[in-house]
Amino acid sequence: MINNHIDYIEFKANNLEVIKDFYSNLFGWKFTDYGATYCSFSESGIAGGFELTEGGITNGVLIVLYHEDLEFLKSNIRKKGGEIVKDIFSFPGGRRFHFRDPSGNELAVWSDK
């Protein structure tokens, strides 16, 4: 993996079964379920996933960057005027946090370290 590259893209979905049917039938994407509220996809050109949400979806895409040192990057984001909106948390396969850039765009950074 390469630090600072877009590594994953995450969408919101109101119904995972409907969204999986849509993308698998139209585009041939393959899906892996991770519990009742998340599924990842492959065969799309970039790795990604869908997170179940009950709320309305305005901007349902989360760009996920990779960096092997989350603590270092989190500190630098704050120094450069970014805002941490979700602190480091663990998930199957690694850890990540979310931040807003100075324009208000929310992104995430993950690490398998």
N, C-alpha and C. Protein backbone atom coordinates (compact mmCIF):
# COMPACT_ATOMS: atom_id res chain seq x y z
N MET A 1 0.83 -1.17 0.00
CA MET A 1 0.00 0.00 0.00
C MET A 1 0.88 1.24 0.00
N ILE A 2 0.36 2.30 -0.54
CA ILE A 2 1.13 3.53 -0.67
C ILE A 2 0.48 4.61 0.18
N ASN A 3 1.27 5.25 1.04
CA ASN A 3 0.77 6.34 1.86
C ASN A 3 0.19 7.45 1.01
N ASN A 4 -0.87 8.06 1.48
CA ASN A 4 -1.48 9.27 0.93
C ASN A 4 -2.24 9.06 -0.38
N HIS A 5 -2.41 7.82 -0.84
CA HIS A 5 -3.20 7.56 -2.05
C HIS A 5 -4.63 7.21 -1.68
N ILE A 6 -5.56 7.52 -2.58
CA ILE A 6 -6.93 7.07 -2.38
C ILE A 6 -6.92 5.56 -2.47
N ASP A 7 -7.44 4.92 -1.43
CA ASP A 7 -7.36 3.46 -1.33
C ASP A 7 -8.73 2.81 -1.33
N TYR A 8 -9.78 3.55 -0.99
CA TYR A 8 -11.09 2.95 -0.76
C TYR A 8 -12.13 4.04 -0.88
N ILE A 9 -13.31 3.68 -1.34
CA ILE A 9 -14.40 4.64 -1.44
C ILE A 9 -15.62 4.02 -0.77
N GLU A 10 -16.28 4.79 0.08
CA GLU A 10 -17.38 4.24 0.87
C GLU A 10 -18.65 5.06 0.62
N PHE A 11 -19.73 4.36 0.31
CA PHE A 11 -21.02 4.99 0.05
C PHE A 11 -21.98 4.68 1.20
N LYS A 12 -23.02 5.48 1.31
CA LYS A 12 -24.15 5.22 2.20
C LYS A 12 -25.24 4.53 1.38
N ALA A 13 -26.07 3.73 2.04
CA ALA A 13 -27.18 3.07 1.36
C ALA A 13 -28.32 2.88 2.36
N ASN A 14 -29.55 3.05 1.88
CA ASN A 14 -30.72 2.83 2.74
C ASN A 14 -31.16 1.38 2.77
N ASN A 15 -30.72 0.58 1.79
CA ASN A 15 -31.10 -0.83 1.73
C ASN A 15 -29.95 -1.58 1.04
N LEU A 16 -29.22 -2.37 1.82
CA LEU A 16 -28.04 -3.05 1.26
C LEU A 16 -28.41 -4.09 0.22
N GLU A 17 -29.49 -4.80 0.41
CA GLU A 17 -29.88 -5.83 -0.58
C GLU A 17 -30.21 -5.20 -1.93
N VAL A 18 -30.94 -4.10 -1.91
CA VAL A 18 -31.29 -3.41 -3.16
C VAL A 18 -30.04 -2.88 -3.84
N ILE A 19 -29.13 -2.27 -3.07
CA ILE A 19 -27.93 -1.68 -3.66
C ILE A 19 -27.01 -2.76 -4.22
N LYS A 20 -26.90 -3.90 -3.52
CA LYS A 20 -26.06 -5.00 -4.03
C LYS A 20 -26.64 -5.55 -5.33
N ASP A 21 -27.95 -5.72 -5.37
CA ASP A 21 -28.61 -6.21 -6.59
C ASP A 21 -28.37 -5.24 -7.75
N PHE A 22 -28.51 -3.96 -7.49
CA PHE A 22 -28.33 -2.92 -8.51
C PHE A 22 -26.93 -3.00 -9.12
N TYR A 23 -25.90 -2.93 -8.29
CA TYR A 23 -24.53 -2.87 -8.81
C TYR A 23 -24.02 -4.22 -9.32
N SER A 24 -24.47 -5.32 -8.74
CA SER A 24 -24.01 -6.61 -9.24
C SER A 24 -24.63 -6.92 -10.60
N ASN A 25 -25.90 -6.62 -10.76
CA ASN A 25 -26.56 -6.91 -12.04
C ASN A 25 -26.17 -5.96 -13.15
N LEU A 26 -26.01 -4.69 -12.84
CA LEU A 26 -25.66 -3.72 -13.88
C LEU A 26 -24.19 -3.69 -14.22
N PHE A 27 -23.33 -3.83 -13.22
CA PHE A 27 -21.90 -3.62 -13.44
C PHE A 27 -21.02 -4.82 -13.10
N GLY A 28 -21.60 -5.89 -12.56
CA GLY A 28 -20.83 -7.09 -12.26
C GLY A 28 -20.00 -7.02 -10.99
N TRP A 29 -20.31 -6.05 -10.11
CA TRP A 29 -19.55 -5.95 -8.86
C TRP A 29 -19.83 -7.15 -7.98
N LYS A 30 -18.83 -7.57 -7.22
CA LYS A 30 -18.94 -8.67 -6.26
C LYS A 30 -19.00 -8.08 -4.84
N PHE A 31 -19.75 -8.72 -3.95
CA PHE A 31 -19.96 -8.18 -2.60
C PHE A 31 -19.58 -9.18 -1.52
N THR A 32 -19.08 -8.64 -0.41
CA THR A 32 -18.80 -9.42 0.80
C THR A 32 -19.49 -8.71 1.96
N ASP A 33 -20.34 -9.44 2.67
CA ASP A 33 -21.06 -8.86 3.81
C ASP A 33 -20.20 -8.90 5.07
N TYR A 34 -20.28 -7.83 5.84
CA TYR A 34 -19.64 -7.73 7.15
C TYR A 34 -20.72 -7.35 8.16
N GLY A 35 -21.52 -8.32 8.54
CA GLY A 35 -22.64 -8.06 9.43
C GLY A 35 -23.83 -7.50 8.67
N ALA A 36 -24.79 -7.00 9.42
CA ALA A 36 -26.06 -6.54 8.82
C ALA A 36 -25.99 -5.10 8.31
N THR A 37 -24.91 -4.36 8.63
CA THR A 37 -24.89 -2.94 8.28
C THR A 37 -23.77 -2.53 7.34
N TYR A 38 -23.00 -3.50 6.82
CA TYR A 38 -21.89 -3.12 5.95
C TYR A 38 -21.58 -4.23 4.95
N CYS A 39 -21.27 -3.82 3.73
CA CYS A 39 -20.77 -4.77 2.73
C CYS A 39 -19.70 -4.06 1.91
N SER A 40 -18.68 -4.83 1.53
CA SER A 40 -17.64 -4.28 0.67
C SER A 40 -17.90 -4.76 -0.75
N PHE A 41 -17.31 -4.05 -1.72
CA PHE A 41 -17.44 -4.47 -3.11
C PHE A 41 -16.07 -4.56 -3.77
N SER A 42 -16.02 -5.39 -4.81
CA SER A 42 -14.82 -5.55 -5.62
C SER A 42 -15.25 -5.65 -7.07
N GLU A 43 -14.29 -5.77 -7.98
CA GLU A 43 -14.54 -5.83 -9.42
C GLU A 43 -15.09 -4.51 -9.96
N SER A 44 -14.74 -3.39 -9.27
CA SER A 44 -15.26 -2.08 -9.67
C SER A 44 -14.17 -1.13 -10.16
N GLY A 45 -12.91 -1.53 -10.06
CA GLY A 45 -11.81 -0.64 -10.42
C GLY A 45 -11.14 -0.02 -9.21
N ILE A 46 -11.86 0.06 -8.09
CA ILE A 46 -11.32 0.53 -6.82
C ILE A 46 -12.10 -0.18 -5.71
N ALA A 47 -11.43 -0.51 -4.64
CA ALA A 47 -12.12 -1.17 -3.53
C ALA A 47 -13.05 -0.19 -2.84
N GLY A 48 -14.16 -0.71 -2.32
CA GLY A 48 -15.11 0.16 -1.64
C GLY A 48 -16.14 -0.62 -0.87
N GLY A 49 -17.10 0.12 -0.33
CA GLY A 49 -18.14 -0.53 0.44
C GLY A 49 -19.37 0.35 0.57
N PHE A 50 -20.42 -0.23 1.12
CA PHE A 50 -21.67 0.46 1.41
C PHE A 50 -21.98 0.29 2.89
N GLU A 51 -22.30 1.42 3.54
CA GLU A 51 -22.71 1.41 4.94
C GLU A 51 -24.20 1.72 5.02
N LEU A 52 -24.93 0.89 5.74
CA LEU A 52 -26.37 1.08 5.91
C LEU A 52 -26.64 2.32 6.75
N THR A 53 -27.57 3.15 6.30
CA THR A 53 -27.99 4.32 7.04
C THR A 53 -29.50 4.45 6.96
N GLU A 54 -30.11 4.94 8.01
CA GLU A 54 -31.54 5.17 8.00
C GLU A 54 -31.86 6.61 7.64
N GLY A 55 -30.88 7.49 7.72
CA GLY A 55 -31.09 8.90 7.43
C GLY A 55 -31.08 9.18 5.95
N GLY A 56 -31.41 10.42 5.63
CA GLY A 56 -31.34 10.85 4.24
C GLY A 56 -29.89 10.92 3.78
N ILE A 57 -29.69 10.75 2.52
CA ILE A 57 -28.34 10.75 1.96
C ILE A 57 -28.17 11.98 1.09
N THR A 58 -27.32 12.91 1.52
CA THR A 58 -27.05 14.12 0.76
C THR A 58 -25.79 13.94 -0.06
N ASN A 59 -24.71 13.65 0.61
CA ASN A 59 -23.44 13.37 -0.06
C ASN A 59 -22.97 12.04 0.51
N GLY A 60 -23.35 10.96 -0.14
CA GLY A 60 -23.15 9.64 0.42
C GLY A 60 -21.83 8.97 0.11
N VAL A 61 -20.81 9.73 -0.27
CA VAL A 61 -19.52 9.12 -0.62
C VAL A 61 -18.46 9.56 0.38
N LEU A 62 -17.70 8.60 0.88
CA LEU A 62 -16.58 8.88 1.76
C LEU A 62 -15.32 8.37 1.09
N ILE A 63 -14.40 9.27 0.78
CA ILE A 63 -13.11 8.89 0.22
C ILE A 63 -12.21 8.47 1.37
N VAL A 64 -11.57 7.32 1.23
CA VAL A 64 -10.72 6.79 2.29
C VAL A 64 -9.28 6.71 1.76
N LEU A 65 -8.39 7.44 2.43
CA LEU A 65 -6.97 7.43 2.10
C LEU A 65 -6.27 6.38 2.96
N TYR A 66 -5.08 6.00 2.57
CA TYR A 66 -4.27 5.07 3.36
C TYR A 66 -3.06 5.80 3.90
N HIS A 67 -2.71 5.53 5.17
CA HIS A 67 -1.44 5.98 5.74
C HIS A 67 -1.08 5.03 6.87
N GLU A 68 0.18 4.60 6.90
CA GLU A 68 0.55 3.59 7.90
C GLU A 68 0.67 4.16 9.31
N ASP A 69 0.79 5.48 9.47
CA ASP A 69 0.94 6.08 10.80
C ASP A 69 -0.21 7.05 11.06
N LEU A 70 -1.31 6.54 11.59
CA LEU A 70 -2.51 7.35 11.80
C LEU A 70 -2.27 8.49 12.79
N GLU A 71 -1.57 8.23 13.88
CA GLU A 71 -1.35 9.25 14.90
C GLU A 71 -0.55 10.43 14.32
N PHE A 72 0.48 10.13 13.56
CA PHE A 72 1.29 11.17 12.92
C PHE A 72 0.45 12.02 11.98
N LEU A 73 -0.32 11.38 11.13
CA LEU A 73 -1.11 12.11 10.16
C LEU A 73 -2.22 12.91 10.83
N LYS A 74 -2.86 12.33 11.84
CA LYS A 74 -3.91 13.04 12.57
C LYS A 74 -3.37 14.34 13.16
N SER A 75 -2.20 14.29 13.75
CA SER A 75 -1.57 15.48 14.32
C SER A 75 -1.29 16.53 13.24
N ASN A 76 -0.79 16.09 12.10
CA ASN A 76 -0.48 17.02 11.02
C ASN A 76 -1.73 17.63 10.41
N ILE A 77 -2.81 16.88 10.34
CA ILE A 77 -4.07 17.42 9.82
C ILE A 77 -4.52 18.58 10.70
N ARG A 78 -4.45 18.40 12.01
CA ARG A 78 -4.83 19.48 12.93
C ARG A 78 -3.93 20.71 12.75
N LYS A 79 -2.63 20.48 12.60
CA LYS A 79 -1.68 21.59 12.45
C LYS A 79 -1.95 22.40 11.19
N LYS A 80 -2.46 21.75 10.16
CA LYS A 80 -2.71 22.42 8.88
C LYS A 80 -4.13 22.95 8.74
N GLY A 81 -4.90 22.93 9.84
CA GLY A 81 -6.24 23.53 9.81
C GLY A 81 -7.38 22.57 9.57
N GLY A 82 -7.09 21.27 9.55
CA GLY A 82 -8.16 20.29 9.43
C GLY A 82 -8.79 20.01 10.79
N GLU A 83 -9.95 19.38 10.78
CA GLU A 83 -10.68 19.05 12.00
C GLU A 83 -10.93 17.55 12.07
N ILE A 84 -10.59 16.93 13.18
CA ILE A 84 -10.86 15.51 13.37
C ILE A 84 -12.32 15.39 13.80
N VAL A 85 -13.13 14.67 13.02
CA VAL A 85 -14.55 14.54 13.33
C VAL A 85 -14.92 13.17 13.88
N LYS A 86 -14.07 12.19 13.70
CA LYS A 86 -14.25 10.87 14.30
C LYS A 86 -12.87 10.35 14.62
N ASP A 87 -12.60 10.18 15.93
CA ASP A 87 -11.26 9.77 16.37
C ASP A 87 -10.95 8.34 15.90
N ILE A 88 -9.72 7.94 16.05
CA ILE A 88 -9.26 6.62 15.61
C ILE A 88 -10.10 5.52 16.26
N PHE A 89 -10.59 4.62 15.41
CA PHE A 89 -11.35 3.47 15.89
C PHE A 89 -10.93 2.24 15.10
N SER A 90 -11.18 1.08 15.69
CA SER A 90 -10.83 -0.19 15.05
C SER A 90 -12.02 -0.74 14.29
N PHE A 91 -11.74 -1.49 13.24
CA PHE A 91 -12.74 -2.22 12.46
C PHE A 91 -12.06 -3.47 11.94
N PRO A 92 -12.82 -4.45 11.44
CA PRO A 92 -12.17 -5.66 10.92
C PRO A 92 -11.17 -5.31 9.81
N GLY A 93 -9.91 -5.55 10.05
CA GLY A 93 -8.87 -5.29 9.05
C GLY A 93 -7.98 -4.10 9.36
N GLY A 94 -8.33 -3.29 10.36
CA GLY A 94 -7.46 -2.15 10.64
C GLY A 94 -8.08 -1.13 11.57
N ARG A 95 -7.62 0.11 11.40
CA ARG A 95 -8.10 1.24 12.19
C ARG A 95 -8.24 2.43 11.25
N ARG A 96 -9.08 3.41 11.65
CA ARG A 96 -9.20 4.62 10.84
C ARG A 96 -9.75 5.76 11.67
N PHE A 97 -9.67 6.97 11.08
CA PHE A 97 -10.30 8.16 11.64
C PHE A 97 -10.86 8.99 10.49
N HIS A 98 -11.74 9.93 10.83
CA HIS A 98 -12.35 10.83 9.84
C HIS A 98 -11.93 12.26 10.15
N PHE A 99 -11.79 13.05 9.10
CA PHE A 99 -11.44 14.46 9.27
C PHE A 99 -12.16 15.31 8.24
N ARG A 100 -12.24 16.61 8.52
CA ARG A 100 -12.73 17.59 7.55
C ARG A 100 -11.56 18.44 7.12
N ASP A 101 -11.46 18.67 5.83
CA ASP A 101 -10.42 19.57 5.34
C ASP A 101 -10.88 21.02 5.58
N PRO A 102 -10.02 22.01 5.30
CA PRO A 102 -10.41 23.40 5.57
C PRO A 102 -11.64 23.87 4.81
N SER A 103 -12.05 23.18 3.76
CA SER A 103 -13.28 23.54 3.04
C SER A 103 -14.51 22.80 3.54
N GLY A 104 -14.33 21.88 4.49
CA GLY A 104 -15.46 21.16 5.05
C GLY A 104 -15.71 19.79 4.46
N ASN A 105 -14.87 19.33 3.53
CA ASN A 105 -15.02 18.00 2.95
C ASN A 105 -14.59 16.95 3.97
N GLU A 106 -15.41 15.92 4.18
CA GLU A 106 -15.05 14.86 5.11
C GLU A 106 -14.39 13.71 4.35
N LEU A 107 -13.24 13.27 4.84
CA LEU A 107 -12.52 12.12 4.32
C LEU A 107 -12.13 11.24 5.50
N ALA A 108 -11.63 10.07 5.20
CA ALA A 108 -11.14 9.17 6.24
C ALA A 108 -9.74 8.70 5.86
N VAL A 109 -9.01 8.26 6.87
CA VAL A 109 -7.69 7.67 6.66
C VAL A 109 -7.66 6.36 7.42
N TRP A 110 -7.20 5.30 6.77
CA TRP A 110 -7.15 3.99 7.42
C TRP A 110 -5.73 3.45 7.38
N SER A 111 -5.48 2.49 8.27
CA SER A 111 -4.20 1.79 8.29
C SER A 111 -4.42 0.35 8.72
N ASP A 112 -3.63 -0.54 8.16
CA ASP A 112 -3.64 -1.93 8.60
C ASP A 112 -2.55 -2.17 9.64
N LYS A 113 -1.87 -1.13 10.05
CA LYS A 113 -0.79 -1.24 11.04
C LYS A 113 -1.32 -1.02 12.44
